[in-house]
PDB file of N, CA and C in Angstrom:
ATOM      1  N   MET A   1     -41.055  35.736 -99.744  1.00  0.00           N
ATOM      2  CA  MET A   1     -40.386  34.447 -99.226  1.00  0.00           C
ATOM      3  C   MET A   1     -42.188  33.794 -98.420  1.00  0.00           C
ATOM      4  N   ALA A   2     -42.827  32.242 -98.633  1.00  0.00           N
ATOM      5  CA  ALA A   2     -44.409  31.643 -98.258  1.00  0.00           C
ATOM      6  C   ALA A   2     -43.359  31.571 -96.953  1.00  0.00           C
ATOM      7  N   ALA A   3     -44.038  31.583 -96.378  1.00  0.00           N
ATOM      8  CA  ALA A   3     -43.928  30.977 -95.079  1.00  0.00           C
ATOM      9  C   ALA A   3     -45.239  30.452 -94.552  1.00  0.00           C
ATOM     10  N   SER A   4     -45.049  29.342 -93.304  1.00  0.00           N
ATOM     11  CA  SER A   4     -45.962  28.580 -93.025  1.00  0.00           C
ATOM     12  C   SER A   4     -46.104  28.817 -91.163  1.00  0.00           C
ATOM     13  N   GLY A   5     -46.852  28.160 -90.148  1.00  0.00           N
ATOM     14  CA  GLY A   5     -47.130  28.491 -88.955  1.00  0.00           C
ATOM     15  C   GLY A   5     -47.964  29.029 -88.438  1.00  0.00           C
ATOM     16  N   ASP A   6     -47.945  28.642 -86.620  1.00  0.00           N
ATOM     17  CA  ASP A   6     -49.308  29.883 -86.263  1.00  0.00           C
ATOM     18  C   ASP A   6     -48.599  30.167 -84.946  1.00  0.00           C
ATOM     19  N   ALA A   7     -49.227  30.182 -83.779  1.00  0.00           N
ATOM     20  CA  ALA A   7     -49.286  30.675 -82.927  1.00  0.00           C
ATOM     21  C   ALA A   7     -48.858  29.804 -81.612  1.00  0.00           C
ATOM     22  N   GLU A   8     -50.030  28.093 -82.732  1.00  0.00           N
ATOM     23  CA  GLU A   8     -49.514  26.170 -81.756  1.00  0.00           C
ATOM     24  C   GLU A   8     -48.667  25.856 -82.773  1.00  0.00           C
ATOM     25  N   THR A   9     -47.807  26.414 -83.310  1.00  0.00           N
ATOM     26  CA  THR A   9     -46.810  25.267 -83.632  1.00  0.00           C
ATOM     27  C   THR A   9     -45.645  25.818 -83.401  1.00  0.00           C
ATOM     28  N   ILE A  10     -43.960  24.794 -84.005  1.00  0.00           N
ATOM     29  CA  ILE A  10     -42.753  24.939 -83.317  1.00  0.00           C
ATOM     30  C   ILE A  10     -42.458  25.919 -84.082  1.00  0.00           C
ATOM     31  N   GLN A  11     -43.244  26.395 -85.788  1.00  0.00           N
ATOM     32  CA  GLN A  11     -42.506  27.216 -86.747  1.00  0.00           C
ATOM     33  C   GLN A  11     -43.514  28.659 -85.800  1.00  0.00           C
ATOM     34  N   ALA A  12     -43.655  29.253 -84.888  1.00  0.00           N
ATOM     35  CA  ALA A  12     -44.582  30.407 -84.587  1.00  0.00           C
ATOM     36  C   ALA A  12     -44.389  31.224 -85.881  1.00  0.00           C
ATOM     37  N   ALA A  13     -45.878  31.730 -85.739  1.00  0.00           N
ATOM     38  CA  ALA A  13     -45.618  33.157 -86.929  1.00  0.00           C
ATOM     39  C   ALA A  13     -47.177  33.421 -86.516  1.00  0.00           C
ATOM     40  N   ALA A  14     -47.485  34.741 -87.266  1.00  0.00           N
ATOM     41  CA  ALA A  14     -48.737  35.306 -86.999  1.00  0.00           C
ATOM     42  C   ALA A  14     -49.389  35.512 -88.085  1.00  0.00           C
ATOM     43  N   TYR A  15     -50.573  35.622 -88.671  1.00  0.00           N
ATOM     44  CA  TYR A  15     -51.270  35.903 -90.382  1.00  0.00           C
ATOM     45  C   TYR A  15     -52.142  37.072 -89.876  1.00  0.00           C
ATOM     46  N   ALA A  16     -52.486  37.679 -90.897  1.00  0.00           N
ATOM     47  CA  ALA A  16     -53.773  38.534 -90.993  1.00  0.00           C
ATOM     48  C   ALA A  16     -55.048  37.856 -91.322  1.00  0.00           C
ATOM     49  N   TRP A  17     -56.384  38.145 -90.609  1.00  0.00           N
ATOM     50  CA  TRP A  17     -57.121  37.415 -90.405  1.00  0.00           C
ATOM     51  C   TRP A  17     -58.447  38.269 -90.748  1.00  0.00           C
ATOM     52  N   PRO A  18     -57.732  39.327 -91.395  1.00  0.00           N
ATOM     53  CA  PRO A  18     -59.452  39.923 -92.561  1.00  0.00           C
ATOM     54  C   PRO A  18     -60.643  39.185 -93.388  1.00  0.00           C
ATOM     55  N   ARG A  19     -61.472  39.512 -93.801  1.00  0.00           N
ATOM     56  CA  ARG A  19     -62.285  39.057 -94.394  1.00  0.00           C
ATOM     57  C   ARG A  19     -61.668  38.372 -95.266  1.00  0.00           C
ATOM     58  N   ARG A  20     -62.107  37.705 -96.228  1.00  0.00           N
ATOM     59  CA  ARG A  20     -61.135  36.460 -96.955  1.00  0.00           C
ATOM     60  C   ARG A  20     -60.085  37.248 -97.213  1.00  0.00           C
ATOM     61  N   SER A  21     -59.737  36.616 -95.900  1.00  0.00           N
ATOM     62  CA  SER A  21     -57.754  36.533 -95.935  1.00  0.00           C
ATOM     63  C   SER A  21     -56.887  34.779 -96.856  1.00  0.00           C
ATOM     64  N   SER A  22     -56.313  34.775 -97.158  1.00  0.00           N
ATOM     65  CA  SER A  22     -55.125  34.249 -97.722  1.00  0.00           C
ATOM     66  C   SER A  22     -54.379  33.526 -96.689  1.00  0.00           C
ATOM     67  N   PHE A  23     -54.413  33.785 -95.314  1.00  0.00           N
ATOM     68  CA  PHE A  23     -53.977  33.420 -93.873  1.00  0.00           C
ATOM     69  C   PHE A  23     -52.323  33.642 -94.736  1.00  0.00           C
ATOM     70  N   THR A  24     -51.942  35.124 -95.255  1.00  0.00           N
ATOM     71  CA  THR A  24     -50.682  35.308 -94.992  1.00  0.00           C
ATOM     72  C   THR A  24     -49.658  35.553 -94.260  1.00  0.00           C
ATOM     73  N   VAL A  25     -49.143  34.961 -94.023  1.00  0.00           N
ATOM     74  CA  VAL A  25     -48.046  35.144 -92.732  1.00  0.00           C
ATOM     75  C   VAL A  25     -47.403  36.540 -92.446  1.00  0.00           C
ATOM     76  N   THR A  26     -47.554  37.670 -91.336  1.00  0.00           N
ATOM     77  CA  THR A  26     -47.602  38.425 -91.131  1.00  0.00           C
ATOM     78  C   THR A  26     -46.101  38.913 -90.408  1.00  0.00           C
ATOM     79  N   ASN A  27     -46.042  37.745 -89.825  1.00  0.00           N
ATOM     80  CA  ASN A  27     -44.755  37.961 -89.165  1.00  0.00           C
ATOM     81  C   ASN A  27     -44.362  36.662 -88.307  1.00  0.00           C
ATOM     82  N   ALA A  28     -42.797  36.767 -88.014  1.00  0.00           N
ATOM     83  CA  ALA A  28     -42.899  35.173 -87.314  1.00  0.00           C
ATOM     84  C   ALA A  28     -41.092  35.147 -86.800  1.00  0.00           C
ATOM     85  N   ALA A  29     -41.524  33.931 -85.711  1.00  0.00           N
ATOM     86  CA  ALA A  29     -39.615  34.202 -85.300  1.00  0.00           C
ATOM     87  C   ALA A  29     -38.967  33.341 -86.229  1.00  0.00           C
ATOM     88  N   VAL A  30     -38.108  34.586 -86.227  1.00  0.00           N
ATOM     89  CA  VAL A  30     -37.071  33.977 -87.636  1.00  0.00           C
ATOM     90  C   VAL A  30     -35.389  32.865 -87.069  1.00  0.00           C
ATOM     91  N   TYR A  31     -35.226  33.573 -85.162  1.00  0.00           N
ATOM     92  CA  TYR A  31     -33.925  32.636 -85.144  1.00  0.00           C
ATOM     93  C   TYR A  31     -34.403  31.099 -84.722  1.00  0.00           C
ATOM     94  N   ARG A  32     -33.910  30.392 -85.401  1.00  0.00           N
ATOM     95  CA  ARG A  32     -33.633  28.926 -85.258  1.00  0.00           C
ATOM     96  C   ARG A  32     -32.180  28.518 -84.675  1.00  0.00           C
ATOM     97  N   GLN A  33     -32.137  27.213 -83.548  1.00  0.00           N
ATOM     98  CA  GLN A  33     -30.898  26.887 -82.760  1.00  0.00           C
ATOM     99  C   GLN A  33     -31.530  25.727 -82.281  1.00  0.00           C
ATOM    100  N   ILE A  34     -30.622  24.951 -82.077  1.00  0.00           N
ATOM    101  CA  ILE A  34     -30.683  23.452 -82.022  1.00  0.00           C
ATOM    102  C   ILE A  34     -29.648  22.999 -80.704  1.00  0.00           C
ATOM    103  N   LEU A  35     -29.347  23.175 -79.285  1.00  0.00           N
ATOM    104  CA  LEU A  35     -28.344  22.934 -78.961  1.00  0.00           C
ATOM    105  C   LEU A  35     -27.795  21.499 -77.970  1.00  0.00           C
ATOM    106  N   ASP A  36     -26.996  20.961 -78.579  1.00  0.00           N
ATOM    107  CA  ASP A  36     -26.604  19.281 -77.806  1.00  0.00           C
ATOM    108  C   ASP A  36     -25.954  19.915 -76.849  1.00  0.00           C
ATOM    109  N   PHE A  37     -26.433  19.623 -75.927  1.00  0.00           N
ATOM    110  CA  PHE A  37     -25.414  20.079 -74.563  1.00  0.00           C
ATOM    111  C   PHE A  37     -24.344  18.784 -74.395  1.00  0.00           C
ATOM    112  N   ALA A  38     -25.072  16.887 -75.009  1.00  0.00           N
ATOM    113  CA  ALA A  38     -23.345  16.270 -74.973  1.00  0.00           C
ATOM    114  C   ALA A  38     -22.624  16.434 -75.651  1.00  0.00           C
ATOM    115  N   THR A  39     -22.929  16.926 -77.155  1.00  0.00           N
ATOM    116  CA  THR A  39     -21.895  17.424 -77.438  1.00  0.00           C
ATOM    117  C   THR A  39     -22.172  19.191 -78.323  1.00  0.00           C
ATOM    118  N   LEU A  40     -21.335  19.689 -77.860  1.00  0.00           N
ATOM    119  CA  LEU A  40     -22.061  21.529 -78.798  1.00  0.00           C
ATOM    120  C   LEU A  40     -21.150  21.576 -79.341  1.00  0.00           C
ATOM    121  N   GLU A  41     -20.079  20.592 -80.086  1.00  0.00           N
ATOM    122  CA  GLU A  41     -19.934  20.992 -81.466  1.00  0.00           C
ATOM    123  C   GLU A  41     -20.693  20.174 -82.427  1.00  0.00           C
ATOM    124  N   GLU A  42     -21.834  19.621 -82.319  1.00  0.00           N
ATOM    125  CA  GLU A  42     -23.191  19.191 -82.871  1.00  0.00           C
ATOM    126  C   GLU A  42     -23.919  20.437 -83.093  1.00  0.00           C
ATOM    127  N   SER A  43     -24.355  21.442 -82.184  1.00  0.00           N
ATOM    128  CA  SER A  43     -25.112  22.216 -82.452  1.00  0.00           C
ATOM    129  C   SER A  43     -24.922  22.648 -83.666  1.00  0.00           C
ATOM    130  N   VAL A  44     -26.172  23.672 -84.217  1.00  0.00           N
ATOM    131  CA  VAL A  44     -26.855  23.824 -85.346  1.00  0.00           C
ATOM    132  C   VAL A  44     -27.926  25.668 -84.803  1.00  0.00           C
ATOM    133  N   TRP A  45     -27.914  26.298 -86.190  1.00  0.00           N
ATOM    134  CA  TRP A  45     -28.721  27.172 -85.720  1.00  0.00           C
ATOM    135  C   TRP A  45     -29.118  27.796 -87.293  1.00  0.00           C
ATOM    136  N   ILE A  46     -30.031  29.366 -87.488  1.00  0.00           N
ATOM    137  CA  ILE A  46     -29.742  30.202 -88.534  1.00  0.00           C
ATOM    138  C   ILE A  46     -30.537  30.818 -88.177  1.00  0.00           C
ATOM    139  N   ILE A  47     -30.419  32.010 -89.188  1.00  0.00           N
ATOM    140  CA  ILE A  47     -30.766  33.744 -88.583  1.00  0.00           C
ATOM    141  C   ILE A  47     -30.923  34.638 -90.533  1.00  0.00           C
ATOM    142  N   PRO A  48     -32.633  34.326 -91.096  1.00  0.00           N
ATOM    143  CA  PRO A  48     -32.537  34.666 -92.004  1.00  0.00           C
ATOM    144  C   PRO A  48     -31.608  36.222 -91.942  1.00  0.00           C
ATOM    145  N   GLY A  49     -31.625  37.441 -91.404  1.00  0.00           N
ATOM    146  CA  GLY A  49     -31.283  38.553 -91.553  1.00  0.00           C
ATOM    147  C   GLY A  49     -29.804  38.589 -91.304  1.00  0.00           C
ATOM    148  N   GLY A  50     -29.182  37.625 -91.208  1.00  0.00           N
ATOM    149  CA  GLY A  50     -27.558  37.882 -90.625  1.00  0.00           C
ATOM    150  C   GLY A  50     -27.416  38.280 -89.104  1.00  0.00           C
ATOM    151  N   SER A  51     -26.155  37.520 -88.383  1.00  0.00           N
ATOM    152  CA  SER A  51     -26.146  38.217 -87.052  1.00  0.00           C
ATOM    153  C   SER A  51     -26.403  39.300 -86.956  1.00  0.00           C
ATOM    154  N   SER A  52     -26.116  40.273 -87.934  1.00  0.00           N
ATOM    155  CA  SER A  52     -25.947  41.829 -87.337  1.00  0.00           C
ATOM    156  C   SER A  52     -27.200  42.543 -87.902  1.00  0.00           C
ATOM    157  N   GLY A  53     -27.879  41.505 -88.729  1.00  0.00           N
ATOM    158  CA  GLY A  53     -29.537  42.455 -88.514  1.00  0.00           C
ATOM    159  C   GLY A  53     -29.186  43.004 -89.451  1.00  0.00           C
ATOM    160  N   ARG A  54     -28.266  43.450 -89.943  1.00  0.00           N
ATOM    161  CA  ARG A  54     -28.396  44.934 -90.484  1.00  0.00           C
ATOM    162  C   ARG A  54     -28.462  44.780 -92.409  1.00  0.00           C
ATOM    163  N   PRO A  55     -29.361  45.460 -92.782  1.00  0.00           N
ATOM    164  CA  PRO A  55     -29.694  45.468 -94.412  1.00  0.00           C
ATOM    165  C   PRO A  55     -28.430  45.317 -95.572  1.00  0.00           C
ATOM    166  N   ASP A  56     -27.549  46.537 -94.648  1.00  0.00           N
ATOM    167  CA  ASP A  56     -26.318  47.483 -95.241  1.00  0.00           C
ATOM    168  C   ASP A  56     -24.995  46.150 -95.135  1.00  0.00           C
ATOM    169  N   ASN A  57     -25.340  44.992 -94.213  1.00  0.00           N
ATOM    170  CA  ASN A  57     -23.782  44.121 -94.217  1.00  0.00           C
ATOM    171  C   ASN A  57     -24.125  42.426 -95.325  1.00  0.00           C
ATOM    172  N   SER A  58     -22.388  42.432 -95.438  1.00  0.00           N
ATOM    173  CA  SER A  58     -22.806  41.932 -96.940  1.00  0.00           C
ATOM    174  C   SER A  58     -23.292  40.366 -96.777  1.00  0.00           C
ATOM    175  N   HIS A  59     -23.405  40.155 -95.358  1.00  0.00           N
ATOM    176  CA  HIS A  59     -23.800  38.926 -95.408  1.00  0.00           C
ATOM    177  C   HIS A  59     -25.340  39.150 -94.397  1.00  0.00           C
ATOM    178  N   TYR A  60     -26.386  40.111 -94.926  1.00  0.00           N
ATOM    179  CA  TYR A  60     -27.762  40.054 -95.181  1.00  0.00           C
ATOM    180  C   TYR A  60     -28.827  38.590 -95.431  1.00  0.00           C
ATOM    181  N   GLN A  61     -28.353  38.971 -96.118  1.00  0.00           N
ATOM    182  CA  GLN A  61     -29.275  37.370 -96.684  1.00  0.00           C
ATOM    183  C   GLN A  61     -28.484  36.316 -97.073  1.00  0.00           C
ATOM    184  N   ASP A  62     -27.461  36.569 -96.808  1.00  0.00           N
ATOM    185  CA  ASP A  62     -26.982  34.587 -97.180  1.00  0.00           C
ATOM    186  C   ASP A  62     -27.232  33.240 -96.867  1.00  0.00           C
ATOM    187  N   GLN A  63     -28.040  33.981 -95.637  1.00  0.00           N
ATOM    188  CA  GLN A  63     -28.928  32.439 -95.083  1.00  0.00           C
ATOM    189  C   GLN A  63     -30.528  32.418 -95.156  1.00  0.00           C
ATOM    190  N   LEU A  64     -30.343  33.154 -95.839  1.00  0.00           N
ATOM    191  CA  LEU A  64     -32.588  33.437 -95.882  1.00  0.00           C
ATOM    192  C   LEU A  64     -32.387  31.747 -97.143  1.00  0.00           C
ATOM    193  N   VAL A  65     -32.500  31.544 -97.754  1.00  0.00           N
ATOM    194  CA  VAL A  65     -32.426  30.409 -98.528  1.00  0.00           C
ATOM    195  C   VAL A  65     -32.505  29.082 -98.124  1.00  0.00           C
ATOM    196  N   LEU A  66     -31.254  29.051 -97.249  1.00  0.00           N
ATOM    197  CA  LEU A  66     -31.383  28.084 -96.674  1.00  0.00           C
ATOM    198  C   LEU A  66     -32.468  28.015 -95.657  1.00  0.00           C
ATOM    199  N   TRP A  67     -32.622  29.014 -94.727  1.00  0.00           N
ATOM    200  CA  TRP A  67     -33.243  29.053 -93.104  1.00  0.00           C
ATOM    201  C   TRP A  67     -34.974  28.714 -93.905  1.00  0.00           C
ATOM    202  N   GLY A  68     -35.927  29.521 -95.339  1.00  0.00           N
ATOM    203  CA  GLY A  68     -36.528  28.963 -96.664  1.00  0.00           C
ATOM    204  C   GLY A  68     -36.693  27.484 -96.259  1.00  0.00           C
ATOM    205  N   LYS A  69     -35.561  26.700 -95.979  1.00  0.00           N
ATOM    206  CA  LYS A  69     -36.160  25.266 -96.774  1.00  0.00           C
ATOM    207  C   LYS A  69     -36.219  23.968 -95.572  1.00  0.00           C
ATOM    208  N   GLY A  70     -35.695  25.784 -94.024  1.00  0.00           N
ATOM    209  CA  GLY A  70     -35.942  25.103 -93.168  1.00  0.00           C
ATOM    210  C   GLY A  70     -34.838  24.201 -92.740  1.00  0.00           C
ATOM    211  N   GLU A  71     -33.009  24.654 -93.319  1.00  0.00           N
ATOM    212  CA  GLU A  71     -31.796  24.312 -92.921  1.00  0.00           C
ATOM    213  C   GLU A  71     -31.342  24.679 -92.023  1.00  0.00           C
ATOM    214  N   LEU A  72     -30.332  23.909 -90.771  1.00  0.00           N
ATOM    215  CA  LEU A  72     -29.537  24.714 -90.167  1.00  0.00           C
ATOM    216  C   LEU A  72     -27.807  24.549 -90.544  1.00  0.00           C
ATOM    217  N   LEU A  73     -27.041  25.235 -89.696  1.00  0.00           N
ATOM    218  CA  LEU A  73     -25.779  25.283 -90.325  1.00  0.00           C
ATOM    219  C   LEU A  73     -24.749  25.409 -88.531  1.00  0.00           C
ATOM    220  N   PRO A  74     -23.998  24.557 -88.814  1.00  0.00           N
ATOM    221  CA  PRO A  74     -23.054  24.348 -87.785  1.00  0.00           C
ATOM    222  C   PRO A  74     -22.840  25.391 -86.866  1.00  0.00           C
ATOM    223  N   MET A  75     -22.875  25.383 -85.274  1.00  0.00           N
ATOM    224  CA  MET A  75     -22.258  26.752 -85.079  1.00  0.00           C
ATOM    225  C   MET A  75     -20.678  26.381 -84.923  1.00  0.00           C
ATOM    226  N   ALA A  76     -20.096  27.291 -84.405  1.00  0.00           N
ATOM    227  CA  ALA A  76     -18.816  27.154 -83.558  1.00  0.00           C
ATOM    228  C   ALA A  76     -18.627  26.979 -82.646  1.00  0.00           C
ATOM    229  N   GLY A  77     -18.009  25.610 -82.110  1.00  0.00           N
ATOM    230  CA  GLY A  77     -18.109  25.072 -80.241  1.00  0.00           C
ATOM    231  C   GLY A  77     -16.685  25.634 -79.806  1.00  0.00           C
ATOM    232  N   THR A  78     -15.791  26.197 -80.561  1.00  0.00           N
ATOM    233  CA  THR A  78     -14.590  26.135 -80.274  1.00  0.00           C
ATOM    234  C   THR A  78     -14.684  27.488 -80.550  1.00  0.00           C
ATOM    235  N   PRO A  79     -13.462  28.548 -79.688  1.00  0.00           N
ATOM    236  CA  PRO A  79     -12.871  29.824 -80.515  1.00  0.00           C
ATOM    237  C   PRO A  79     -12.570  29.490 -81.706  1.00  0.00           C
ATOM    238  N   GLY A  80     -12.590  30.240 -82.639  1.00  0.00           N
ATOM    239  CA  GLY A  80     -11.567  29.976 -83.989  1.00  0.00           C
ATOM    240  C   GLY A  80     -11.831  29.282 -85.078  1.00  0.00           C
ATOM    241  N   ALA A  81     -12.972  28.413 -84.254  1.00  0.00           N
ATOM    242  CA  ALA A  81     -13.510  27.009 -85.202  1.00  0.00           C
ATOM    243  C   ALA A  81     -14.591  27.781 -86.261  1.00  0.00           C
ATOM    244  N   ALA A  82     -14.719  29.084 -86.589  1.00  0.00           N
ATOM    245  CA  ALA A  82     -15.941  29.356 -87.528  1.00  0.00           C
ATOM    246  C   ALA A  82     -15.136  29.985 -89.041  1.00  0.00           C
ATOM    247  N   GLY A  83     -13.698  30.081 -88.490  1.00  0.00           N
ATOM    248  CA  GLY A  83     -12.800  30.254 -89.590  1.00  0.00           C
ATOM    249  C   GLY A  83     -12.735  31.567 -89.632  1.00  0.00           C
TER     250      GLY A  83
END
């Protein structure tokens, strides 16, 4: 998946910089969260490797496409709200 960003951007990322490099991102911060302390039920988050981070989990990649588009998901604000 193509990615952008560097150490000086909100989308923190690092890239290899060898001679004639294409500046391909080699690692990046992946967890995104926005909390609205006035109305916590409006808070959002996303993590491309799923909340468990385990490749054998059925939800491991279900947020990857949304993450790549810069989209976020609603956070459960109260117990049981996530369904």
